[in-house]
Amino acid sequence: MKLRSLRAVAVLAVGAAFALSGCSFKSTVSKEELEKQSFDVLTKMAGEEPAEVECPGPIDGEVGAKTRCVLTAKDGGRIGYTIEITSYEDNRGKMVVQVDETPMPPAQGNAGT
């Protein structure tokens, strides 16, 4: 995956549906679910799979909750993206994935490769 593929659609926000987990008082979206859903959305956006997506942890399953994640392309390039919960009802939710316009600097240890 080339980062330019994602930058070309960076201003687009793509939605994905997901199931929320948790008790009736507090729902969360797990780290694994965030990564799975964003992996699928980003693959559709770019037309090919990234090498990796990584989110820091779970987020509250409530409208407006946001988190920052990082996509690593197969060529080693990295770009950040934001996930925002846009709706949820009956333990089902929708999120929007917004890709940054500018790539991140190379990860330490990857400089010059």
N, C-alpha and C. Protein backbone atom coordinates (compact mmCIF):
# COMPACT_ATOMS: atom_id res chain seq x y z
N MET A 1 0.85 -1.17 0.00
CA MET A 1 0.00 0.00 0.00
C MET A 1 0.89 1.23 0.00
N LYS A 2 0.61 2.15 -0.86
CA LYS A 2 1.32 3.41 -0.92
C LYS A 2 0.52 4.47 -0.17
N LEU A 3 1.20 5.29 0.58
CA LEU A 3 0.51 6.33 1.33
C LEU A 3 -0.19 7.31 0.42
N ARG A 4 0.31 7.52 -0.78
CA ARG A 4 -0.36 8.46 -1.67
C ARG A 4 -1.77 7.99 -2.00
N SER A 5 -2.01 6.68 -2.01
CA SER A 5 -3.36 6.17 -2.23
C SER A 5 -4.30 6.67 -1.16
N LEU A 6 -3.84 6.69 0.07
CA LEU A 6 -4.67 7.18 1.17
C LEU A 6 -4.75 8.70 1.18
N ARG A 7 -3.66 9.37 0.88
CA ARG A 7 -3.68 10.83 0.88
C ARG A 7 -4.66 11.35 -0.16
N ALA A 8 -4.83 10.63 -1.25
CA ALA A 8 -5.75 11.06 -2.29
C ALA A 8 -7.19 11.09 -1.79
N VAL A 9 -7.49 10.29 -0.79
CA VAL A 9 -8.84 10.26 -0.24
C VAL A 9 -8.85 10.69 1.22
N ALA A 10 -7.81 11.38 1.64
CA ALA A 10 -7.67 11.73 3.06
C ALA A 10 -8.81 12.60 3.56
N VAL A 11 -9.37 13.42 2.71
CA VAL A 11 -10.42 14.31 3.18
C VAL A 11 -11.77 13.60 3.25
N LEU A 12 -11.84 12.40 2.76
CA LEU A 12 -13.08 11.64 2.85
C LEU A 12 -13.20 10.98 4.21
N ALA A 13 -14.37 10.96 4.72
CA ALA A 13 -14.64 10.23 5.96
C ALA A 13 -15.49 9.04 5.59
N VAL A 14 -15.04 7.86 5.92
CA VAL A 14 -15.73 6.64 5.56
C VAL A 14 -16.29 6.00 6.81
N GLY A 15 -17.53 5.58 6.76
CA GLY A 15 -18.17 4.99 7.92
C GLY A 15 -18.09 3.48 7.92
N ALA A 16 -18.20 2.92 9.09
CA ALA A 16 -18.25 1.47 9.27
C ALA A 16 -19.19 1.17 10.42
N ALA A 17 -19.90 0.07 10.31
CA ALA A 17 -20.79 -0.34 11.39
C ALA A 17 -20.05 -1.35 12.26
N PHE A 18 -20.37 -1.37 13.54
CA PHE A 18 -19.71 -2.29 14.46
C PHE A 18 -20.65 -2.58 15.62
N ALA A 19 -20.35 -3.64 16.33
CA ALA A 19 -21.11 -3.99 17.53
C ALA A 19 -20.36 -3.50 18.75
N LEU A 20 -21.09 -2.95 19.69
CA LEU A 20 -20.49 -2.49 20.94
C LEU A 20 -20.56 -3.61 21.96
N SER A 21 -19.58 -3.63 22.84
CA SER A 21 -19.59 -4.63 23.90
C SER A 21 -19.67 -3.94 25.24
N GLY A 22 -20.11 -4.66 26.22
CA GLY A 22 -20.17 -4.09 27.56
C GLY A 22 -21.53 -4.30 28.19
N CYS A 23 -21.64 -3.87 29.42
CA CYS A 23 -22.90 -4.01 30.13
C CYS A 23 -23.85 -2.91 29.68
N SER A 24 -25.07 -2.95 30.19
CA SER A 24 -26.08 -1.99 29.76
C SER A 24 -25.76 -0.58 30.22
N PHE A 25 -24.86 -0.41 31.17
CA PHE A 25 -24.55 0.93 31.67
C PHE A 25 -23.39 1.59 30.93
N LYS A 26 -22.44 0.81 30.47
CA LYS A 26 -21.24 1.38 29.85
C LYS A 26 -20.81 0.49 28.69
N SER A 27 -20.93 1.00 27.48
CA SER A 27 -20.50 0.25 26.31
C SER A 27 -19.15 0.77 25.85
N THR A 28 -18.33 -0.12 25.34
CA THR A 28 -17.02 0.26 24.82
C THR A 28 -16.81 -0.40 23.46
N VAL A 29 -15.90 0.16 22.70
CA VAL A 29 -15.44 -0.45 21.46
C VAL A 29 -14.01 -0.90 21.73
N SER A 30 -13.77 -2.19 21.62
CA SER A 30 -12.46 -2.74 21.95
C SER A 30 -11.39 -2.28 20.97
N LYS A 31 -10.16 -2.33 21.41
CA LYS A 31 -9.00 -2.04 20.57
C LYS A 31 -9.04 -2.92 19.32
N GLU A 32 -9.33 -4.20 19.51
CA GLU A 32 -9.36 -5.15 18.42
C GLU A 32 -10.44 -4.80 17.40
N GLU A 33 -11.62 -4.39 17.88
CA GLU A 33 -12.71 -4.02 16.98
C GLU A 33 -12.38 -2.75 16.21
N LEU A 34 -11.79 -1.76 16.89
CA LEU A 34 -11.36 -0.53 16.22
C LEU A 34 -10.37 -0.85 15.11
N GLU A 35 -9.40 -1.70 15.41
CA GLU A 35 -8.38 -2.06 14.42
C GLU A 35 -8.98 -2.85 13.26
N LYS A 36 -9.86 -3.79 13.56
CA LYS A 36 -10.48 -4.60 12.50
C LYS A 36 -11.31 -3.72 11.58
N GLN A 37 -12.18 -2.90 12.17
CA GLN A 37 -13.06 -2.06 11.35
C GLN A 37 -12.26 -1.05 10.54
N SER A 38 -11.27 -0.41 11.16
CA SER A 38 -10.50 0.58 10.42
C SER A 38 -9.63 -0.08 9.36
N PHE A 39 -9.10 -1.28 9.63
CA PHE A 39 -8.35 -2.03 8.61
C PHE A 39 -9.22 -2.24 7.38
N ASP A 40 -10.46 -2.68 7.59
CA ASP A 40 -11.38 -2.93 6.47
C ASP A 40 -11.69 -1.65 5.71
N VAL A 41 -11.98 -0.57 6.44
CA VAL A 41 -12.31 0.71 5.81
C VAL A 41 -11.12 1.24 5.02
N LEU A 42 -9.94 1.22 5.63
CA LEU A 42 -8.75 1.75 4.97
C LEU A 42 -8.35 0.91 3.75
N THR A 43 -8.58 -0.39 3.81
CA THR A 43 -8.33 -1.25 2.66
C THR A 43 -9.24 -0.86 1.51
N LYS A 44 -10.51 -0.61 1.81
CA LYS A 44 -11.44 -0.17 0.76
C LYS A 44 -11.03 1.18 0.20
N MET A 45 -10.61 2.10 1.07
CA MET A 45 -10.22 3.43 0.63
C MET A 45 -9.03 3.38 -0.33
N ALA A 46 -8.03 2.57 0.00
CA ALA A 46 -6.77 2.55 -0.76
C ALA A 46 -6.76 1.49 -1.86
N GLY A 47 -7.64 0.51 -1.77
CA GLY A 47 -7.66 -0.54 -2.77
C GLY A 47 -6.67 -1.67 -2.50
N GLU A 48 -5.99 -1.62 -1.37
CA GLU A 48 -5.09 -2.70 -0.96
C GLU A 48 -4.91 -2.66 0.55
N GLU A 49 -4.48 -3.80 1.10
CA GLU A 49 -4.34 -3.91 2.55
C GLU A 49 -3.10 -3.20 3.07
N PRO A 50 -3.21 -2.55 4.23
CA PRO A 50 -2.01 -2.01 4.88
C PRO A 50 -1.23 -3.16 5.53
N ALA A 51 0.01 -2.88 5.89
CA ALA A 51 0.80 -3.88 6.62
C ALA A 51 0.24 -4.04 8.03
N GLU A 52 -0.18 -2.91 8.62
CA GLU A 52 -0.64 -2.93 10.01
C GLU A 52 -1.45 -1.68 10.31
N VAL A 53 -2.42 -1.83 11.20
CA VAL A 53 -3.08 -0.68 11.82
C VAL A 53 -2.99 -0.87 13.32
N GLU A 54 -2.79 0.21 14.04
CA GLU A 54 -2.64 0.11 15.49
C GLU A 54 -3.38 1.26 16.17
N CYS A 55 -4.24 0.88 17.11
CA CYS A 55 -4.97 1.85 17.93
C CYS A 55 -4.50 1.67 19.38
N PRO A 56 -4.54 2.73 20.18
CA PRO A 56 -3.98 2.64 21.53
C PRO A 56 -4.79 1.82 22.52
N GLY A 57 -6.07 1.67 22.30
CA GLY A 57 -6.88 0.93 23.25
C GLY A 57 -8.35 1.13 22.96
N PRO A 58 -9.22 0.63 23.83
CA PRO A 58 -10.66 0.77 23.62
C PRO A 58 -11.11 2.22 23.82
N ILE A 59 -12.29 2.54 23.28
CA ILE A 59 -12.90 3.84 23.54
C ILE A 59 -14.34 3.64 23.97
N ASP A 60 -14.89 4.64 24.62
CA ASP A 60 -16.29 4.59 25.03
C ASP A 60 -17.18 4.51 23.80
N GLY A 61 -18.22 3.71 23.90
CA GLY A 61 -19.18 3.57 22.81
C GLY A 61 -20.24 4.64 22.88
N GLU A 62 -19.82 5.87 22.79
CA GLU A 62 -20.78 6.98 22.84
C GLU A 62 -20.50 7.94 21.70
N VAL A 63 -21.54 8.58 21.21
CA VAL A 63 -21.41 9.52 20.11
C VAL A 63 -20.41 10.60 20.48
N GLY A 64 -19.48 10.86 19.57
CA GLY A 64 -18.46 11.88 19.77
C GLY A 64 -17.15 11.35 20.32
N ALA A 65 -17.12 10.11 20.81
CA ALA A 65 -15.87 9.54 21.31
C ALA A 65 -14.89 9.40 20.14
N LYS A 66 -13.63 9.76 20.39
CA LYS A 66 -12.60 9.73 19.34
C LYS A 66 -11.34 9.05 19.85
N THR A 67 -10.57 8.53 18.90
CA THR A 67 -9.24 8.02 19.19
C THR A 67 -8.37 8.23 17.97
N ARG A 68 -7.07 8.23 18.19
CA ARG A 68 -6.08 8.35 17.12
C ARG A 68 -5.41 7.00 16.92
N CYS A 69 -5.24 6.61 15.67
CA CYS A 69 -4.60 5.35 15.33
C CYS A 69 -3.54 5.61 14.25
N VAL A 70 -2.75 4.58 13.97
CA VAL A 70 -1.68 4.69 12.98
C VAL A 70 -1.76 3.52 12.00
N LEU A 71 -1.68 3.84 10.72
CA LEU A 71 -1.58 2.85 9.67
C LEU A 71 -0.13 2.79 9.22
N THR A 72 0.39 1.57 9.09
CA THR A 72 1.71 1.36 8.51
C THR A 72 1.51 0.68 7.17
N ALA A 73 2.01 1.32 6.11
CA ALA A 73 1.89 0.77 4.76
C ALA A 73 2.93 -0.31 4.54
N LYS A 74 2.72 -1.11 3.52
CA LYS A 74 3.67 -2.18 3.21
C LYS A 74 5.05 -1.64 2.84
N ASP A 75 5.10 -0.39 2.36
CA ASP A 75 6.39 0.20 2.03
C ASP A 75 7.06 0.86 3.24
N GLY A 76 6.44 0.72 4.43
CA GLY A 76 7.00 1.26 5.66
C GLY A 76 6.52 2.64 6.02
N GLY A 77 5.84 3.32 5.09
CA GLY A 77 5.30 4.64 5.39
C GLY A 77 4.20 4.55 6.44
N ARG A 78 4.05 5.63 7.20
CA ARG A 78 3.03 5.64 8.26
C ARG A 78 2.18 6.90 8.13
N ILE A 79 0.90 6.75 8.45
CA ILE A 79 -0.01 7.89 8.45
C ILE A 79 -1.00 7.72 9.59
N GLY A 80 -1.32 8.81 10.24
CA GLY A 80 -2.28 8.76 11.33
C GLY A 80 -3.70 8.91 10.83
N TYR A 81 -4.62 8.48 11.64
CA TYR A 81 -6.03 8.67 11.32
C TYR A 81 -6.84 8.74 12.61
N THR A 82 -7.99 9.37 12.50
CA THR A 82 -8.89 9.54 13.63
C THR A 82 -10.13 8.69 13.41
N ILE A 83 -10.56 8.03 14.47
CA ILE A 83 -11.83 7.31 14.46
C ILE A 83 -12.76 8.06 15.39
N GLU A 84 -13.98 8.32 14.91
CA GLU A 84 -15.00 8.98 15.74
C GLU A 84 -16.28 8.17 15.69
N ILE A 85 -16.86 7.93 16.86
CA ILE A 85 -18.16 7.26 16.94
C ILE A 85 -19.22 8.30 16.56
N THR A 86 -20.01 7.99 15.53
CA THR A 86 -21.01 8.95 15.05
C THR A 86 -22.43 8.60 15.46
N SER A 87 -22.68 7.35 15.78
CA SER A 87 -24.01 6.97 16.27
C SER A 87 -23.91 5.62 16.97
N TYR A 88 -24.86 5.39 17.85
CA TYR A 88 -24.99 4.07 18.43
C TYR A 88 -26.36 3.92 19.07
N GLU A 89 -26.89 2.72 18.90
CA GLU A 89 -28.21 2.40 19.41
C GLU A 89 -28.32 0.89 19.50
N ASP A 90 -28.88 0.40 20.57
CA ASP A 90 -29.07 -1.04 20.75
C ASP A 90 -27.77 -1.83 20.54
N ASN A 91 -26.68 -1.33 21.13
CA ASN A 91 -25.37 -1.97 21.05
C ASN A 91 -24.85 -2.12 19.62
N ARG A 92 -25.30 -1.29 18.71
CA ARG A 92 -24.77 -1.21 17.35
C ARG A 92 -24.33 0.22 17.13
N GLY A 93 -23.21 0.39 16.47
CA GLY A 93 -22.72 1.74 16.26
C GLY A 93 -22.15 1.95 14.88
N LYS A 94 -21.88 3.21 14.60
CA LYS A 94 -21.20 3.59 13.36
C LYS A 94 -20.05 4.50 13.73
N MET A 95 -18.97 4.36 12.97
CA MET A 95 -17.81 5.21 13.19
C MET A 95 -17.35 5.78 11.86
N VAL A 96 -16.63 6.88 11.94
CA VAL A 96 -16.05 7.52 10.78
C VAL A 96 -14.54 7.46 10.92
N VAL A 97 -13.86 7.14 9.83
CA VAL A 97 -12.40 7.10 9.79
C VAL A 97 -11.93 8.28 8.94
N GLN A 98 -11.14 9.16 9.54
CA GLN A 98 -10.61 10.35 8.85
C GLN A 98 -9.09 10.25 8.81
N VAL A 99 -8.54 10.10 7.61
CA VAL A 99 -7.09 9.95 7.44
C VAL A 99 -6.44 11.33 7.38
N ASP A 100 -5.30 11.47 8.05
CA ASP A 100 -4.54 12.72 8.02
C ASP A 100 -4.10 13.03 6.59
N GLU A 101 -3.89 14.31 6.32
CA GLU A 101 -3.42 14.72 5.00
C GLU A 101 -1.91 14.55 4.84
N THR A 102 -1.18 14.53 5.94
CA THR A 102 0.28 14.47 5.91
C THR A 102 0.78 13.20 6.59
N PRO A 103 1.70 12.46 5.94
CA PRO A 103 2.24 11.26 6.57
C PRO A 103 3.07 11.59 7.81
N MET A 104 3.27 10.59 8.63
CA MET A 104 4.09 10.71 9.83
C MET A 104 5.56 10.50 9.48
N PRO A 105 6.46 10.99 10.32
CA PRO A 105 7.88 10.67 10.11
C PRO A 105 8.09 9.17 10.27
N PRO A 106 9.14 8.63 9.68
CA PRO A 106 9.41 7.19 9.83
C PRO A 106 9.56 6.80 11.30
N ALA A 107 9.16 5.59 11.61
CA ALA A 107 9.33 5.07 12.97
C ALA A 107 10.82 4.93 13.25
N GLN A 108 11.21 5.11 14.51
CA GLN A 108 12.61 4.94 14.86
C GLN A 108 13.05 3.53 14.48
N GLY A 109 14.23 3.45 13.93
CA GLY A 109 14.73 2.15 13.47
C GLY A 109 14.45 1.91 12.01
N ASN A 110 13.50 2.69 11.42
CA ASN A 110 13.20 2.56 10.00
C ASN A 110 13.79 3.69 9.18
N ALA A 111 14.42 4.65 9.83
CA ALA A 111 14.97 5.80 9.11
C ALA A 111 16.03 5.34 8.14
N GLY A 112 15.92 5.86 6.92
CA GLY A 112 16.92 5.54 5.91
C GLY A 112 16.74 4.20 5.25
N THR A 113 15.62 3.51 5.51
CA THR A 113 15.41 2.23 4.84
C THR A 113 14.52 2.38 3.66
